[in-house]
């Protein structure tokens, strides 16, 4: 998909590729239209821990 230069700075939904004027509109869209994917992503990220080989610096 090729976008005109004016639309390159506008946020775009990664699921359905709909464009929005601001980030708040994108957040509302994702919470309403893609609620299942959004909740699945939140659950997966909360279970994630450090990867093997990660180094913590104190």
N, C-alpha and C. Protein backbone atom coordinates (compact mmCIF):
# COMPACT_ATOMS: atom_id res chain seq x y z
N UNK A 1 0.84 -1.17 0.00
CA UNK A 1 0.00 0.00 0.00
C UNK A 1 0.89 1.25 0.00
N UNK A 2 0.62 2.16 -0.87
CA UNK A 2 1.39 3.39 -0.97
C UNK A 2 0.51 4.53 -0.46
N UNK A 3 1.05 5.27 0.50
CA UNK A 3 0.33 6.41 1.06
C UNK A 3 0.90 7.71 0.53
N UNK A 4 0.07 8.71 0.36
CA UNK A 4 0.61 10.01 0.00
C UNK A 4 1.46 10.58 1.14
N UNK A 5 2.35 11.47 0.81
CA UNK A 5 3.27 12.03 1.81
C UNK A 5 2.52 12.70 2.96
N UNK A 6 1.37 13.29 2.72
CA UNK A 6 0.64 13.97 3.79
C UNK A 6 0.13 12.99 4.85
N UNK A 7 -0.08 11.73 4.53
CA UNK A 7 -0.62 10.77 5.48
C UNK A 7 0.46 9.98 6.23
N UNK A 8 1.72 10.21 5.94
CA UNK A 8 2.78 9.44 6.57
C UNK A 8 2.90 9.70 8.07
N UNK A 9 2.53 10.87 8.54
CA UNK A 9 2.70 11.20 9.95
C UNK A 9 1.47 10.86 10.78
N UNK A 10 0.39 10.47 10.14
CA UNK A 10 -0.84 10.15 10.86
C UNK A 10 -0.76 8.72 11.38
N UNK A 11 -1.26 8.48 12.62
CA UNK A 11 -1.25 7.11 13.15
C UNK A 11 -2.17 6.20 12.36
N UNK A 12 -1.79 4.92 12.28
CA UNK A 12 -2.54 3.95 11.50
C UNK A 12 -2.71 2.68 12.33
N UNK A 13 -3.89 2.09 12.29
CA UNK A 13 -4.18 0.86 13.01
C UNK A 13 -3.41 -0.28 12.36
N UNK A 14 -2.64 -1.03 13.14
CA UNK A 14 -1.86 -2.12 12.58
C UNK A 14 -2.72 -3.33 12.23
N UNK A 15 -3.94 -3.40 12.75
CA UNK A 15 -4.81 -4.54 12.47
C UNK A 15 -5.61 -4.36 11.19
N UNK A 16 -6.27 -3.20 11.04
CA UNK A 16 -7.13 -3.01 9.86
C UNK A 16 -6.62 -1.90 8.94
N UNK A 17 -5.50 -1.27 9.27
CA UNK A 17 -4.85 -0.25 8.45
C UNK A 17 -5.70 1.01 8.23
N UNK A 18 -6.59 1.30 9.16
CA UNK A 18 -7.38 2.53 9.09
C UNK A 18 -6.52 3.69 9.61
N UNK A 19 -6.58 4.83 8.96
CA UNK A 19 -5.82 6.00 9.37
C UNK A 19 -6.63 6.92 10.26
N UNK A 20 -5.95 7.62 11.18
CA UNK A 20 -6.59 8.53 12.13
C UNK A 20 -5.83 9.83 12.20
N UNK A 21 -6.52 10.88 12.64
CA UNK A 21 -5.89 12.20 12.73
C UNK A 21 -4.98 12.33 13.94
N UNK A 22 -5.30 11.65 15.04
CA UNK A 22 -4.48 11.74 16.24
C UNK A 22 -4.41 10.39 16.94
N UNK A 23 -3.52 10.28 17.91
CA UNK A 23 -3.29 9.02 18.62
C UNK A 23 -4.48 8.66 19.51
N UNK A 24 -5.21 9.66 20.01
CA UNK A 24 -6.39 9.38 20.84
C UNK A 24 -7.48 8.68 20.03
N UNK A 25 -7.67 9.09 18.81
CA UNK A 25 -8.64 8.43 17.93
C UNK A 25 -8.24 6.98 17.66
N UNK A 26 -6.95 6.74 17.49
CA UNK A 26 -6.46 5.38 17.28
C UNK A 26 -6.69 4.52 18.52
N UNK A 27 -6.42 5.05 19.70
CA UNK A 27 -6.64 4.30 20.95
C UNK A 27 -8.10 3.93 21.13
N UNK A 28 -8.99 4.88 20.87
CA UNK A 28 -10.43 4.61 20.99
C UNK A 28 -10.85 3.53 20.00
N UNK A 29 -10.35 3.61 18.78
CA UNK A 29 -10.68 2.63 17.75
C UNK A 29 -10.22 1.23 18.17
N UNK A 30 -9.00 1.13 18.68
CA UNK A 30 -8.48 -0.18 19.07
C UNK A 30 -9.25 -0.76 20.24
N UNK A 31 -9.66 0.07 21.18
CA UNK A 31 -10.42 -0.43 22.32
C UNK A 31 -11.83 -0.86 21.94
N UNK A 32 -12.42 -0.21 20.94
CA UNK A 32 -13.78 -0.54 20.55
C UNK A 32 -13.84 -1.62 19.46
N UNK A 33 -13.09 -1.45 18.41
CA UNK A 33 -13.19 -2.35 17.26
C UNK A 33 -12.35 -3.62 17.40
N UNK A 34 -11.25 -3.56 18.11
CA UNK A 34 -10.33 -4.69 18.22
C UNK A 34 -10.13 -5.09 19.68
N UNK A 35 -11.21 -5.14 20.42
CA UNK A 35 -11.13 -5.39 21.86
C UNK A 35 -10.51 -6.74 22.17
N UNK A 36 -10.86 -7.79 21.43
CA UNK A 36 -10.32 -9.13 21.70
C UNK A 36 -8.81 -9.18 21.50
N UNK A 37 -8.33 -8.61 20.41
CA UNK A 37 -6.89 -8.61 20.15
C UNK A 37 -6.15 -7.78 21.19
N UNK A 38 -6.73 -6.65 21.57
CA UNK A 38 -6.11 -5.77 22.55
C UNK A 38 -5.99 -6.47 23.91
N UNK A 39 -7.06 -7.17 24.34
CA UNK A 39 -7.03 -7.88 25.62
C UNK A 39 -6.06 -9.05 25.57
N UNK A 40 -6.01 -9.78 24.46
CA UNK A 40 -5.08 -10.91 24.34
C UNK A 40 -3.64 -10.43 24.42
N UNK A 41 -3.35 -9.29 23.83
CA UNK A 41 -2.00 -8.72 23.87
C UNK A 41 -1.63 -8.30 25.30
N UNK A 42 -2.57 -7.72 26.04
CA UNK A 42 -2.31 -7.32 27.42
C UNK A 42 -2.06 -8.53 28.31
N UNK A 43 -2.81 -9.61 28.11
CA UNK A 43 -2.62 -10.82 28.91
C UNK A 43 -1.27 -11.46 28.60
N UNK A 44 -0.89 -11.49 27.36
CA UNK A 44 0.38 -12.10 26.97
C UNK A 44 1.56 -11.29 27.50
N UNK A 45 1.46 -9.97 27.50
CA UNK A 45 2.56 -9.14 27.97
C UNK A 45 2.68 -9.18 29.48
N UNK A 46 1.59 -9.44 30.21
CA UNK A 46 1.67 -9.50 31.67
C UNK A 46 2.32 -10.80 32.12
N UNK A 47 2.26 -11.87 31.31
CA UNK A 47 2.86 -13.16 31.66
C UNK A 47 4.33 -13.22 31.26
N UNK A 48 4.76 -12.29 30.46
CA UNK A 48 6.11 -12.32 29.93
C UNK A 48 7.12 -11.97 31.02
N UNK A 49 8.19 -12.71 31.07
CA UNK A 49 9.26 -12.45 32.02
C UNK A 49 10.56 -12.19 31.28
N UNK A 50 11.67 -12.18 32.00
CA UNK A 50 12.95 -11.95 31.33
C UNK A 50 13.31 -13.12 30.41
N UNK A 51 13.90 -12.78 29.30
CA UNK A 51 14.32 -13.78 28.34
C UNK A 51 15.65 -14.40 28.79
N UNK A 52 15.93 -15.62 28.37
CA UNK A 52 17.23 -16.21 28.71
C UNK A 52 18.37 -15.35 28.18
N UNK A 53 19.32 -15.07 29.02
CA UNK A 53 20.45 -14.24 28.62
C UNK A 53 20.30 -12.78 28.95
N UNK A 54 19.12 -12.36 29.47
CA UNK A 54 18.95 -10.96 29.86
C UNK A 54 19.85 -10.63 31.04
N UNK A 55 20.41 -9.46 31.03
CA UNK A 55 21.30 -9.02 32.09
C UNK A 55 20.66 -7.82 32.78
N UNK A 56 20.56 -7.88 34.08
CA UNK A 56 20.02 -6.76 34.86
C UNK A 56 21.18 -5.98 35.45
N UNK A 57 21.14 -4.67 35.30
CA UNK A 57 22.18 -3.80 35.85
C UNK A 57 21.55 -3.05 37.01
N UNK A 58 22.18 -3.16 38.17
CA UNK A 58 21.66 -2.50 39.37
C UNK A 58 22.42 -1.25 39.66
